[in-house]
Amino acid sequence: MEPLMAYVVGGLFAASIYMILRRSIVKLVIGLILLSNAANLLIFTASGLTRGAPPLIPEGAQFPDPMPAADPLPQALILTAIVIAFGVLAFAVVLINRAYEILGVDDLDLMKETDA
């Protein structure tokens, strides 16, 4: 499963870099969203994929528990990263909308010409 996830993460990173290098500001934001999703999947994959083993300790279990369990720390980090990425996305959409209302263009090169 990990080699498949490595290819998926690599593909997402490649697609995000391609989108970030485009001239449209909307494609730039889409690339940033893909980049954050790729980073989240990378953290999940690096922490180890444990299926069907929730991070719960049964009552009366001996410590250390020999049963495999998923690590809850990467899950908490990624949940926080998803919330922060959603906030950044909402802020970026508002900025893009305002810039388009004022300038009337979506192209980053044409936005530079209005800086005078």
PDB file of N, CA and C in Angstrom:
ATOM      1  N   MET A   1       0.811  -1.193   0.000  1.00  0.00           N
ATOM      2  CA  MET A   1       0.000   0.000   0.000  1.00  0.00           C
ATOM      3  C   MET A   1       0.860   1.265   0.000  1.00  0.00           C
ATOM      4  N   GLU A   2       2.010   1.218   0.684  1.00  0.00           N
ATOM      5  CA  GLU A   2       2.862   2.403   0.757  1.00  0.00           C
ATOM      6  C   GLU A   2       3.444   2.807  -0.599  1.00  0.00           C
ATOM      7  N   PRO A   3       3.868   1.858  -1.459  1.00  0.00           N
ATOM      8  CA  PRO A   3       4.354   2.298  -2.777  1.00  0.00           C
ATOM      9  C   PRO A   3       3.274   2.988  -3.609  1.00  0.00           C
ATOM     10  N   LEU A   4       2.038   2.509  -3.520  1.00  0.00           N
ATOM     11  CA  LEU A   4       0.951   3.168  -4.237  1.00  0.00           C
ATOM     12  C   LEU A   4       0.743   4.584  -3.707  1.00  0.00           C
ATOM     13  N   MET A   5       0.772   4.745  -2.395  1.00  0.00           N
ATOM     14  CA  MET A   5       0.610   6.073  -1.805  1.00  0.00           C
ATOM     15  C   MET A   5       1.773   6.992  -2.175  1.00  0.00           C
ATOM     16  N   ALA A   6       2.970   6.429  -2.333  1.00  0.00           N
ATOM     17  CA  ALA A   6       4.107   7.247  -2.746  1.00  0.00           C
ATOM     18  C   ALA A   6       3.892   7.793  -4.152  1.00  0.00           C
ATOM     19  N   TYR A   7       3.362   6.967  -5.045  1.00  0.00           N
ATOM     20  CA  TYR A   7       3.066   7.447  -6.397  1.00  0.00           C
ATOM     21  C   TYR A   7       1.955   8.501  -6.399  1.00  0.00           C
ATOM     22  N   VAL A   8       0.947   8.293  -5.559  1.00  0.00           N
ATOM     23  CA  VAL A   8      -0.153   9.261  -5.477  1.00  0.00           C
ATOM     24  C   VAL A   8       0.354  10.601  -4.947  1.00  0.00           C
ATOM     25  N   VAL A   9       1.171  10.551  -3.899  1.00  0.00           N
ATOM     26  CA  VAL A   9       1.728  11.784  -3.330  1.00  0.00           C
ATOM     27  C   VAL A   9       2.626  12.479  -4.342  1.00  0.00           C
ATOM     28  N   GLY A  10       3.454  11.715  -5.039  1.00  0.00           N
ATOM     29  CA  GLY A  10       4.317  12.301  -6.065  1.00  0.00           C
ATOM     30  C   GLY A  10       3.515  12.939  -7.190  1.00  0.00           C
ATOM     31  N   GLY A  11       2.440  12.268  -7.610  1.00  0.00           N
ATOM     32  CA  GLY A  11       1.583  12.833  -8.649  1.00  0.00           C
ATOM     33  C   GLY A  11       0.899  14.110  -8.192  1.00  0.00           C
ATOM     34  N   LEU A  12       0.443  14.133  -6.934  1.00  0.00           N
ATOM     35  CA  LEU A  12      -0.189  15.344  -6.413  1.00  0.00           C
ATOM     36  C   LEU A  12       0.811  16.492  -6.302  1.00  0.00           C
ATOM     37  N   PHE A  13       2.034  16.191  -5.861  1.00  0.00           N
ATOM     38  CA  PHE A  13       3.059  17.236  -5.795  1.00  0.00           C
ATOM     39  C   PHE A  13       3.374  17.768  -7.193  1.00  0.00           C
ATOM     40  N   ALA A  14       3.497  16.877  -8.170  1.00  0.00           N
ATOM     41  CA  ALA A  14       3.793  17.310  -9.539  1.00  0.00           C
ATOM     42  C   ALA A  14       2.655  18.157 -10.105  1.00  0.00           C
ATOM     43  N   ALA A  15       1.415  17.726  -9.887  1.00  0.00           N
ATOM     44  CA  ALA A  15       0.276  18.498 -10.384  1.00  0.00           C
ATOM     45  C   ALA A  15       0.181  19.852  -9.689  1.00  0.00           C
ATOM     46  N   SER A  16       0.493  19.891  -8.405  1.00  0.00           N
ATOM     47  CA  SER A  16       0.414  21.164  -7.689  1.00  0.00           C
ATOM     48  C   SER A  16       1.492  22.133  -8.159  1.00  0.00           C
ATOM     49  N   ILE A  17       2.696  21.646  -8.398  1.00  0.00           N
ATOM     50  CA  ILE A  17       3.758  22.528  -8.902  1.00  0.00           C
ATOM     51  C   ILE A  17       3.385  23.035 -10.293  1.00  0.00           C
ATOM     52  N   TYR A  18       2.826  22.179 -11.129  1.00  0.00           N
ATOM     53  CA  TYR A  18       2.401  22.600 -12.461  1.00  0.00           C
ATOM     54  C   TYR A  18       1.333  23.693 -12.369  1.00  0.00           C
ATOM     55  N   MET A  19       0.367  23.513 -11.473  1.00  0.00           N
ATOM     56  CA  MET A  19      -0.696  24.506 -11.334  1.00  0.00           C
ATOM     57  C   MET A  19      -0.178  25.811 -10.743  1.00  0.00           C
ATOM     58  N   ILE A  20       0.775  25.734  -9.816  1.00  0.00           N
ATOM     59  CA  ILE A  20       1.328  26.952  -9.217  1.00  0.00           C
ATOM     60  C   ILE A  20       2.089  27.771 -10.251  1.00  0.00           C
ATOM     61  N   LEU A  21       2.713  27.127 -11.218  1.00  0.00           N
ATOM     62  CA  LEU A  21       3.496  27.831 -12.229  1.00  0.00           C
ATOM     63  C   LEU A  21       2.648  28.415 -13.352  1.00  0.00           C
ATOM     64  N   ARG A  22       1.336  28.219 -13.337  1.00  0.00           N
ATOM     65  CA  ARG A  22       0.465  28.794 -14.362  1.00  0.00           C
ATOM     66  C   ARG A  22       0.298  30.288 -14.114  1.00  0.00           C
ATOM     67  N   ARG A  23      -0.193  31.019 -15.108  1.00  0.00           N
ATOM     68  CA  ARG A  23      -0.324  32.467 -14.989  1.00  0.00           C
ATOM     69  C   ARG A  23      -1.623  32.897 -14.332  1.00  0.00           C
ATOM     70  N   SER A  24      -2.608  32.056 -14.274  1.00  0.00           N
ATOM     71  CA  SER A  24      -3.900  32.410 -13.693  1.00  0.00           C
ATOM     72  C   SER A  24      -3.838  32.320 -12.171  1.00  0.00           C
ATOM     73  N   ILE A  25      -4.419  33.314 -11.518  1.00  0.00           N
ATOM     74  CA  ILE A  25      -4.393  33.322 -10.060  1.00  0.00           C
ATOM     75  C   ILE A  25      -5.312  32.244  -9.477  1.00  0.00           C
ATOM     76  N   VAL A  26      -6.367  31.883 -10.194  1.00  0.00           N
ATOM     77  CA  VAL A  26      -7.251  30.805  -9.731  1.00  0.00           C
ATOM     78  C   VAL A  26      -6.505  29.465  -9.768  1.00  0.00           C
ATOM     79  N   LYS A  27      -5.737  29.241 -10.823  1.00  0.00           N
ATOM     80  CA  LYS A  27      -4.950  28.006 -10.910  1.00  0.00           C
ATOM     81  C   LYS A  27      -3.862  27.972  -9.841  1.00  0.00           C
ATOM     82  N   LEU A  28      -3.346  29.128  -9.453  1.00  0.00           N
ATOM     83  CA  LEU A  28      -2.374  29.196  -8.374  1.00  0.00           C
ATOM     84  C   LEU A  28      -2.993  28.717  -7.067  1.00  0.00           C
ATOM     85  N   VAL A  29      -4.198  29.141  -6.777  1.00  0.00           N
ATOM     86  CA  VAL A  29      -4.862  28.726  -5.544  1.00  0.00           C
ATOM     87  C   VAL A  29      -5.201  27.239  -5.596  1.00  0.00           C
ATOM     88  N   ILE A  30      -5.629  26.747  -6.745  1.00  0.00           N
ATOM     89  CA  ILE A  30      -5.893  25.306  -6.882  1.00  0.00           C
ATOM     90  C   ILE A  30      -4.607  24.514  -6.652  1.00  0.00           C
ATOM     91  N   GLY A  31      -3.487  25.017  -7.158  1.00  0.00           N
ATOM     92  CA  GLY A  31      -2.197  24.366  -6.914  1.00  0.00           C
ATOM     93  C   GLY A  31      -1.829  24.352  -5.445  1.00  0.00           C
ATOM     94  N   LEU A  32      -2.125  25.432  -4.732  1.00  0.00           N
ATOM     95  CA  LEU A  32      -1.843  25.457  -3.294  1.00  0.00           C
ATOM     96  C   LEU A  32      -2.715  24.459  -2.537  1.00  0.00           C
ATOM     97  N   ILE A  33      -3.956  24.295  -2.965  1.00  0.00           N
ATOM     98  CA  ILE A  33      -4.835  23.306  -2.333  1.00  0.00           C
ATOM     99  C   ILE A  33      -4.287  21.894  -2.568  1.00  0.00           C
ATOM    100  N   LEU A  34      -3.886  21.623  -3.810  1.00  0.00           N
ATOM    101  CA  LEU A  34      -3.301  20.306  -4.106  1.00  0.00           C
ATOM    102  C   LEU A  34      -2.020  20.076  -3.315  1.00  0.00           C
ATOM    103  N   LEU A  35      -1.222  21.125  -3.141  1.00  0.00           N
ATOM    104  CA  LEU A  35       0.020  21.006  -2.384  1.00  0.00           C
ATOM    105  C   LEU A  35      -0.256  20.665  -0.923  1.00  0.00           C
ATOM    106  N   SER A  36      -1.258  21.292  -0.330  1.00  0.00           N
ATOM    107  CA  SER A  36      -1.578  20.984   1.067  1.00  0.00           C
ATOM    108  C   SER A  36      -2.131  19.561   1.204  1.00  0.00           C
ATOM    109  N   ASN A  37      -2.927  19.117   0.228  1.00  0.00           N
ATOM    110  CA  ASN A  37      -3.436  17.742   0.268  1.00  0.00           C
ATOM    111  C   ASN A  37      -2.303  16.728   0.097  1.00  0.00           C
ATOM    112  N   ALA A  38      -1.348  17.037  -0.773  1.00  0.00           N
ATOM    113  CA  ALA A  38      -0.207  16.143  -0.957  1.00  0.00           C
ATOM    114  C   ALA A  38       0.625  16.060   0.320  1.00  0.00           C
ATOM    115  N   ALA A  39       0.803  17.186   0.988  1.00  0.00           N
ATOM    116  CA  ALA A  39       1.564  17.172   2.240  1.00  0.00           C
ATOM    117  C   ALA A  39       0.833  16.367   3.314  1.00  0.00           C
ATOM    118  N   ASN A  40      -0.491  16.485   3.362  1.00  0.00           N
ATOM    119  CA  ASN A  40      -1.257  15.699   4.332  1.00  0.00           C
ATOM    120  C   ASN A  40      -1.129  14.203   4.057  1.00  0.00           C
ATOM    121  N   LEU A  41      -1.230  13.812   2.793  1.00  0.00           N
ATOM    122  CA  LEU A  41      -1.072  12.395   2.452  1.00  0.00           C
ATOM    123  C   LEU A  41       0.348  11.902   2.742  1.00  0.00           C
ATOM    124  N   LEU A  42       1.320  12.765   2.552  1.00  0.00           N
ATOM    125  CA  LEU A  42       2.706  12.386   2.858  1.00  0.00           C
ATOM    126  C   LEU A  42       2.881  12.120   4.347  1.00  0.00           C
ATOM    127  N   ILE A  43       2.277  12.957   5.175  1.00  0.00           N
ATOM    128  CA  ILE A  43       2.367  12.735   6.627  1.00  0.00           C
ATOM    129  C   ILE A  43       1.663  11.437   7.009  1.00  0.00           C
ATOM    130  N   PHE A  44       0.490  11.194   6.429  1.00  0.00           N
ATOM    131  CA  PHE A  44      -0.216   9.941   6.705  1.00  0.00           C
ATOM    132  C   PHE A  44       0.624   8.734   6.314  1.00  0.00           C
ATOM    133  N   THR A  45       1.225   8.789   5.131  1.00  0.00           N
ATOM    134  CA  THR A  45       1.999   7.651   4.642  1.00  0.00           C
ATOM    135  C   THR A  45       3.274   7.455   5.459  1.00  0.00           C
ATOM    136  N   ALA A  46       3.931   8.549   5.822  1.00  0.00           N
ATOM    137  CA  ALA A  46       5.172   8.434   6.592  1.00  0.00           C
ATOM    138  C   ALA A  46       4.921   7.916   8.000  1.00  0.00           C
ATOM    139  N   SER A  47       3.734   8.173   8.542  1.00  0.00           N
ATOM    140  CA  SER A  47       3.452   7.704   9.902  1.00  0.00           C
ATOM    141  C   SER A  47       3.094   6.226   9.945  1.00  0.00           C
ATOM    142  N   GLY A  48       2.889   5.630   8.791  1.00  0.00           N
ATOM    143  CA  GLY A  48       2.562   4.208   8.753  1.00  0.00           C
ATOM    144  C   GLY A  48       1.063   4.005   8.667  1.00  0.00           C
ATOM    145  N   LEU A  49       0.660   3.190   7.725  1.00  0.00           N
ATOM    146  CA  LEU A  49      -0.761   2.941   7.522  1.00  0.00           C
ATOM    147  C   LEU A  49      -1.154   1.684   8.283  1.00  0.00           C
ATOM    148  N   THR A  50      -1.963   1.855   9.319  1.00  0.00           N
ATOM    149  CA  THR A  50      -2.461   0.738  10.107  1.00  0.00           C
ATOM    150  C   THR A  50      -3.968   0.704   9.932  1.00  0.00           C
ATOM    151  N   ARG A  51      -4.450  -0.313   9.235  1.00  0.00           N
ATOM    152  CA  ARG A  51      -5.879  -0.406   8.941  1.00  0.00           C
ATOM    153  C   ARG A  51      -6.582  -1.252   9.989  1.00  0.00           C
ATOM    154  N   GLY A  52      -7.748  -0.815  10.382  1.00  0.00           N
ATOM    155  CA  GLY A  52      -8.585  -1.597  11.286  1.00  0.00           C
ATOM    156  C   GLY A  52      -8.097  -1.646  12.715  1.00  0.00           C
ATOM    157  N   ALA A  53      -7.241  -0.716  13.122  1.00  0.00           N
ATOM    158  CA  ALA A  53      -6.744  -0.706  14.491  1.00  0.00           C
ATOM    159  C   ALA A  53      -6.839   0.723  15.038  1.00  0.00           C
ATOM    160  N   PRO A  54      -7.979   1.087  15.618  1.00  0.00           N
ATOM    161  CA  PRO A  54      -8.116   2.444  16.132  1.00  0.00           C
ATOM    162  C   PRO A  54      -7.173   2.682  17.314  1.00  0.00           C
ATOM    163  N   PRO A  55      -6.791   3.912  17.549  1.00  0.00           N
ATOM    164  CA  PRO A  55      -5.856   4.203  18.646  1.00  0.00           C
ATOM    165  C   PRO A  55      -6.539   4.223  20.008  1.00  0.00           C
ATOM    166  N   LEU A  56      -7.180   3.118  20.359  1.00  0.00           N
ATOM    167  CA  LEU A  56      -7.867   2.996  21.637  1.00  0.00           C
ATOM    168  C   LEU A  56      -7.255   1.857  22.434  1.00  0.00           C
ATOM    169  N   ILE A  57      -7.137   2.043  23.736  1.00  0.00           N
ATOM    170  CA  ILE A  57      -6.615   0.995  24.611  1.00  0.00           C
ATOM    171  C   ILE A  57      -7.798   0.362  25.328  1.00  0.00           C
ATOM    172  N   PRO A  58      -7.985  -0.943  25.148  1.00  0.00           N
ATOM    173  CA  PRO A  58      -9.124  -1.582  25.819  1.00  0.00           C
ATOM    174  C   PRO A  58      -8.933  -1.600  27.341  1.00  0.00           C
ATOM    175  N   GLU A  59     -10.044  -1.619  28.041  1.00  0.00           N
ATOM    176  CA  GLU A  59      -9.995  -1.617  29.500  1.00  0.00           C
ATOM    177  C   GLU A  59      -9.378  -2.924  30.006  1.00  0.00           C
ATOM    178  N   GLY A  60      -8.437  -2.797  30.929  1.00  0.00           N
ATOM    179  CA  GLY A  60      -7.780  -3.958  31.508  1.00  0.00           C
ATOM    180  C   GLY A  60      -6.628  -4.493  30.672  1.00  0.00           C
ATOM    181  N   ALA A  61      -6.187  -3.757  29.661  1.00  0.00           N
ATOM    182  CA  ALA A  61      -5.085  -4.218  28.813  1.00  0.00           C
ATOM    183  C   ALA A  61      -3.763  -4.013  29.528  1.00  0.00           C
ATOM    184  N   GLN A  62      -2.820  -4.921  29.295  1.00  0.00           N
ATOM    185  CA  GLN A  62      -1.486  -4.815  29.875  1.00  0.00           C
ATOM    186  C   GLN A  62      -0.671  -3.815  29.068  1.00  0.00           C
ATOM    187  N   PHE A  63       0.187  -3.059  29.738  1.00  0.00           N
ATOM    188  CA  PHE A  63       1.028  -2.078  29.041  1.00  0.00           C
ATOM    189  C   PHE A  63       2.441  -2.608  28.963  1.00  0.00           C
ATOM    190  N   PRO A  64       3.135  -2.568  27.899  1.00  0.00           N
ATOM    191  CA  PRO A  64       2.742  -2.089  26.580  1.00  0.00           C
ATOM    192  C   PRO A  64       1.884  -3.121  25.854  1.00  0.00           C
ATOM    193  N   ASP A  65       0.919  -2.623  25.135  1.00  0.00           N
ATOM    194  CA  ASP A  65      -0.040  -3.476  24.421  1.00  0.00           C
ATOM    195  C   ASP A  65       0.627  -4.069  23.184  1.00  0.00           C
ATOM    196  N   PRO A  66       0.629  -5.389  23.008  1.00  0.00           N
ATOM    197  CA  PRO A  66       1.275  -5.977  21.832  1.00  0.00           C
ATOM    198  C   PRO A  66       0.468  -5.809  20.541  1.00  0.00           C
ATOM    199  N   MET A  67      -0.796  -5.409  20.657  1.00  0.00           N
ATOM    200  CA  MET A  67      -1.623  -5.250  19.462  1.00  0.00           C
ATOM    201  C   MET A  67      -1.225  -3.970  18.720  1.00  0.00           C
ATOM    202  N   PRO A  68      -1.178  -4.028  17.400  1.00  0.00           N
ATOM    203  CA  PRO A  68      -0.855  -2.803  16.651  1.00  0.00           C
ATOM    204  C   PRO A  68      -2.016  -1.811  16.698  1.00  0.00           C
ATOM    205  N   ALA A  69      -1.668  -0.551  16.756  1.00  0.00           N
ATOM    206  CA  ALA A  69      -2.694   0.495  16.769  1.00  0.00           C
ATOM    207  C   ALA A  69      -2.196   1.665  15.949  1.00  0.00           C
ATOM    208  N   ALA A  70      -3.126   2.402  15.393  1.00  0.00           N
ATOM    209  CA  ALA A  70      -2.780   3.578  14.619  1.00  0.00           C
ATOM    210  C   ALA A  70      -2.278   4.674  15.554  1.00  0.00           C
ATOM    211  N   ASP A  71      -1.343   5.470  15.058  1.00  0.00           N
ATOM    212  CA  ASP A  71      -0.795   6.572  15.839  1.00  0.00           C
ATOM    213  C   ASP A  71      -1.741   7.765  15.739  1.00  0.00           C
ATOM    214  N   PRO A  72      -2.253   8.293  16.854  1.00  0.00           N
ATOM    215  CA  PRO A  72      -3.221   9.389  16.772  1.00  0.00           C
ATOM    216  C   PRO A  72      -2.584  10.755  16.494  1.00  0.00           C
ATOM    217  N   LEU A  73      -1.277  10.908  16.698  1.00  0.00           N
ATOM    218  CA  LEU A  73      -0.641  12.216  16.514  1.00  0.00           C
ATOM    219  C   LEU A  73      -0.688  12.699  15.063  1.00  0.00           C
ATOM    220  N   PRO A  74      -0.316  11.880  14.068  1.00  0.00           N
ATOM    221  CA  PRO A  74      -0.437  12.363  12.683  1.00  0.00           C
ATOM    222  C   PRO A  74      -1.878  12.686  12.295  1.00  0.00           C
ATOM    223  N   GLN A  75      -2.826  11.942  12.837  1.00  0.00           N
ATOM    224  CA  GLN A  75      -4.231  12.217  12.539  1.00  0.00           C
ATOM    225  C   GLN A  75      -4.634  13.578  13.085  1.00  0.00           C
ATOM    226  N   ALA A  76      -4.182  13.910  14.281  1.00  0.00           N
ATOM    227  CA  ALA A  76      -4.492  15.214  14.862  1.00  0.00           C
ATOM    228  C   ALA A  76      -3.803  16.338  14.092  1.00  0.00           C
ATOM    229  N   LEU A  77      -2.558  16.113  13.679  1.00  0.00           N
ATOM    230  CA  LEU A  77      -1.845  17.129  12.903  1.00  0.00           C
ATOM    231  C   LEU A  77      -2.532  17.392  11.569  1.00  0.00           C
ATOM    232  N   ILE A  78      -2.969  16.358  10.921  1.00  0.00           N
ATOM    233  CA  ILE A  78      -3.602  16.518   9.609  1.00  0.00           C
ATOM    234  C   ILE A  78      -4.977  17.147   9.748  1.00  0.00           C
ATOM    235  N   LEU A  79      -5.709  16.816  10.799  1.00  0.00           N
ATOM    236  CA  LEU A  79      -6.996  17.461  11.021  1.00  0.00           C
ATOM    237  C   LEU A  79      -6.812  18.965  11.217  1.00  0.00           C
ATOM    238  N   THR A  80      -5.789  19.358  11.972  1.00  0.00           N
ATOM    239  CA  THR A  80      -5.490  20.778  12.145  1.00  0.00           C
ATOM    240  C   THR A  80      -5.082  21.413  10.827  1.00  0.00           C
ATOM    241  N   ALA A  81      -4.281  20.714  10.042  1.00  0.00           N
ATOM    242  CA  ALA A  81      -3.837  21.254   8.749  1.00  0.00           C
ATOM    243  C   ALA A  81      -5.007  21.425   7.784  1.00  0.00           C
ATOM    244  N   ILE A  82      -5.981  20.529   7.836  1.00  0.00           N
ATOM    245  CA  ILE A  82      -7.153  20.653   6.959  1.00  0.00           C
ATOM    246  C   ILE A  82      -7.955  21.897   7.320  1.00  0.00           C
ATOM    247  N   VAL A  83      -8.136  22.149   8.614  1.00  0.00           N
ATOM    248  CA  VAL A  83      -8.887  23.328   9.048  1.00  0.00           C
ATOM    249  C   VAL A  83      -8.163  24.606   8.649  1.00  0.00           C
ATOM    250  N   ILE A  84      -6.847  24.648   8.841  1.00  0.00           N
ATOM    251  CA  ILE A  84      -6.069  25.827   8.466  1.00  0.00           C
ATOM    252  C   ILE A  84      -6.096  26.030   6.959  1.00  0.00           C
ATOM    253  N   ALA A  85      -5.978  24.956   6.183  1.00  0.00           N
ATOM    254  CA  ALA A  85      -6.015  25.069   4.719  1.00  0.00           C
ATOM    255  C   ALA A  85      -7.371  25.581   4.250  1.00  0.00           C
ATOM    256  N   PHE A  86      -8.452  25.185   4.909  1.00  0.00           N
ATOM    257  CA  PHE A  86      -9.772  25.691   4.535  1.00  0.00           C
ATOM    258  C   PHE A  86      -9.872  27.184   4.808  1.00  0.00           C
ATOM    259  N   GLY A  87      -9.332  27.637   5.928  1.00  0.00           N
ATOM    260  CA  GLY A  87      -9.330  29.067   6.230  1.00  0.00           C
ATOM    261  C   GLY A  87      -8.517  29.864   5.231  1.00  0.00           C
ATOM    262  N   VAL A  88      -7.349  29.355   4.860  1.00  0.00           N
ATOM    263  CA  VAL A  88      -6.518  30.026   3.866  1.00  0.00           C
ATOM    264  C   VAL A  88      -7.214  30.044   2.509  1.00  0.00           C
ATOM    265  N   LEU A  89      -7.881  28.961   2.148  1.00  0.00           N
ATOM    266  CA  LEU A  89      -8.623  28.915   0.890  1.00  0.00           C
ATOM    267  C   LEU A  89      -9.736  29.958   0.862  1.00  0.00           C
ATOM    268  N   ALA A  90     -10.493  30.065   1.947  1.00  0.00           N
ATOM    269  CA  ALA A  90     -11.567  31.051   1.994  1.00  0.00           C
ATOM    270  C   ALA A  90     -11.014  32.463   1.875  1.00  0.00           C
ATOM    271  N   PHE A  91      -9.917  32.745   2.544  1.00  0.00           N
ATOM    272  CA  PHE A  91      -9.289  34.066   2.461  1.00  0.00           C
ATOM    273  C   PHE A  91      -8.779  34.333   1.050  1.00  0.00           C
ATOM    274  N   ALA A  92      -8.167  33.340   0.423  1.00  0.00           N
ATOM    275  CA  ALA A  92      -7.643  33.517  -0.936  1.00  0.00           C
ATOM    276  C   ALA A  92      -8.768  33.742  -1.944  1.00  0.00           C
ATOM    277  N   VAL A  93      -9.882  33.064  -1.775  1.00  0.00           N
ATOM    278  CA  VAL A  93     -11.012  33.254  -2.693  1.00  0.00           C
ATOM    279  C   VAL A  93     -11.557  34.672  -2.577  1.00  0.00           C
ATOM    280  N   VAL A  94     -11.639  35.189  -1.359  1.00  0.00           N
ATOM    281  CA  VAL A  94     -12.103  36.559  -1.172  1.00  0.00           C
ATOM    282  C   VAL A  94     -11.115  37.545  -1.808  1.00  0.00           C
ATOM    283  N   LEU A  95      -9.821  37.313  -1.633  1.00  0.00           N
ATOM    284  CA  LEU A  95      -8.818  38.195  -2.249  1.00  0.00           C
ATOM    285  C   LEU A  95      -8.870  38.134  -3.772  1.00  0.00           C
ATOM    286  N   ILE A  96      -9.042  36.952  -4.317  1.00  0.00           N
ATOM    287  CA  ILE A  96      -9.124  36.813  -5.776  1.00  0.00           C
ATOM    288  C   ILE A  96     -10.358  37.538  -6.310  1.00  0.00           C
ATOM    289  N   ASN A  97     -11.469  37.384  -5.628  1.00  0.00           N
ATOM    290  CA  ASN A  97     -12.698  38.044  -6.051  1.00  0.00           C
ATOM    291  C   ASN A  97     -12.533  39.559  -6.037  1.00  0.00           C
ATOM    292  N   ARG A  98     -11.936  40.072  -4.981  1.00  0.00           N
ATOM    293  CA  ARG A  98     -11.741  41.523  -4.882  1.00  0.00           C
ATOM    294  C   ARG A  98     -10.760  42.025  -5.940  1.00  0.00           C
ATOM    295  N   ALA A  99      -9.699  41.286  -6.171  1.00  0.00           N
ATOM    296  CA  ALA A  99      -8.725  41.691  -7.196  1.00  0.00           C
ATOM    297  C   ALA A  99      -9.354  41.669  -8.577  1.00  0.00           C
ATOM    298  N   TYR A 100     -10.196  40.688  -8.834  1.00  0.00           N
ATOM    299  CA  TYR A 100     -10.855  40.622 -10.144  1.00  0.00           C
ATOM    300  C   TYR A 100     -11.869  41.762 -10.310  1.00  0.00           C
ATOM    301  N   GLU A 101     -12.560  42.124  -9.228  1.00  0.00           N
ATOM    302  CA  GLU A 101     -13.495  43.244  -9.306  1.00  0.00           C
ATOM    303  C   GLU A 101     -12.776  44.551  -9.599  1.00  0.00           C
ATOM    304  N   ILE A 102     -11.622  44.758  -8.983  1.00  0.00           N
ATOM    305  CA  ILE A 102     -10.897  46.019  -9.155  1.00  0.00           C
ATOM    306  C   ILE A 102     -10.167  46.053 -10.491  1.00  0.00           C
ATOM    307  N   LEU A 103      -9.428  45.002 -10.820  1.00  0.00           N
ATOM    308  CA  LEU A 103      -8.567  45.011 -12.000  1.00  0.00           C
ATOM    309  C   LEU A 103      -9.243  44.469 -13.247  1.00  0.00           C
ATOM    310  N   GLY A 104     -10.167  43.540 -13.093  1.00  0.00           N
ATOM    311  CA  GLY A 104     -10.842  42.962 -14.242  1.00  0.00           C
ATOM    312  C   GLY A 104     -10.026  41.932 -14.993  1.00  0.00           C
ATOM    313  N   VAL A 105      -8.923  41.465 -14.402  1.00  0.00           N
ATOM    314  CA  VAL A 105      -8.086  40.449 -15.048  1.00  0.00           C
ATOM    315  C   VAL A 105      -7.788  39.329 -14.053  1.00  0.00           C
ATOM    316  N   ASP A 106      -7.480  38.167 -14.626  1.00  0.00           N
ATOM    317  CA  ASP A 106      -7.125  36.995 -13.830  1.00  0.00           C
ATOM    318  C   ASP A 106      -5.646  36.651 -13.994  1.00  0.00           C
ATOM    319  N   ASP A 107      -5.016  37.233 -14.997  1.00  0.00           N
ATOM    320  CA  ASP A 107      -3.631  36.922 -15.344  1.00  0.00           C
ATOM    321  C   ASP A 107      -2.670  37.667 -14.408  1.00  0.00           C
ATOM    322  N   LEU A 108      -1.732  36.932 -13.814  1.00  0.00           N
ATOM    323  CA  LEU A 108      -0.783  37.546 -12.886  1.00  0.00           C
ATOM    324  C   LEU A 108       0.139  38.545 -13.579  1.00  0.00           C
ATOM    325  N   ASP A 109       0.504  38.301 -14.834  1.00  0.00           N
ATOM    326  CA  ASP A 109       1.367  39.236 -15.556  1.00  0.00           C
ATOM    327  C   ASP A 109       0.660  40.563 -15.814  1.00  0.00           C
ATOM    328  N   LEU A 110      -0.621  40.497 -16.099  1.00  0.00           N
ATOM    329  CA  LEU A 110      -1.374  41.726 -16.327  1.00  0.00           C
ATOM    330  C   LEU A 110      -1.637  42.475 -15.022  1.00  0.00           C
ATOM    331  N   MET A 111      -1.666  41.767 -13.923  1.00  0.00           N
ATOM    332  CA  MET A 111      -1.824  42.425 -12.615  1.00  0.00           C
ATOM    333  C   MET A 111      -0.584  43.234 -12.255  1.00  0.00           C
ATOM    334  N   LYS A 112       0.586  42.809 -12.720  1.00  0.00           N
ATOM    335  CA  LYS A 112       1.820  43.548 -12.426  1.00  0.00           C
ATOM    336  C   LYS A 112       1.825  44.907 -13.107  1.00  0.00           C
ATOM    337  N   GLU A 113       1.185  45.015 -14.242  1.00  0.00           N
ATOM    338  CA  GLU A 113       1.174  46.261 -14.999  1.00  0.00           C
ATOM    339  C   GLU A 113       0.346  47.342 -14.328  1.00  0.00           C
ATOM    340  N   THR A 114      -0.512  46.988 -13.381  1.00  0.00           N
ATOM    341  CA  THR A 114      -1.364  47.955 -12.709  1.00  0.00           C
ATOM    342  C   THR A 114      -0.763  48.462 -11.404  1.00  0.00           C
ATOM    343  N   ASP A 115       0.507  48.132 -11.109  1.00  0.00           N
ATOM    344  CA  ASP A 115       1.126  48.493  -9.849  1.00  0.00           C
ATOM    345  C   ASP A 115       1.633  49.925  -9.785  1.00  0.00           C
ATOM    346  N   ALA A 116       1.489  50.702 -10.799  1.00  0.00           N
ATOM    347  CA  ALA A 116       2.074  52.033 -10.827  1.00  0.00           C
ATOM    348  C   ALA A 116       1.559  52.980  -9.798  1.00  0.00           C
TER     349      ALA A 116
END
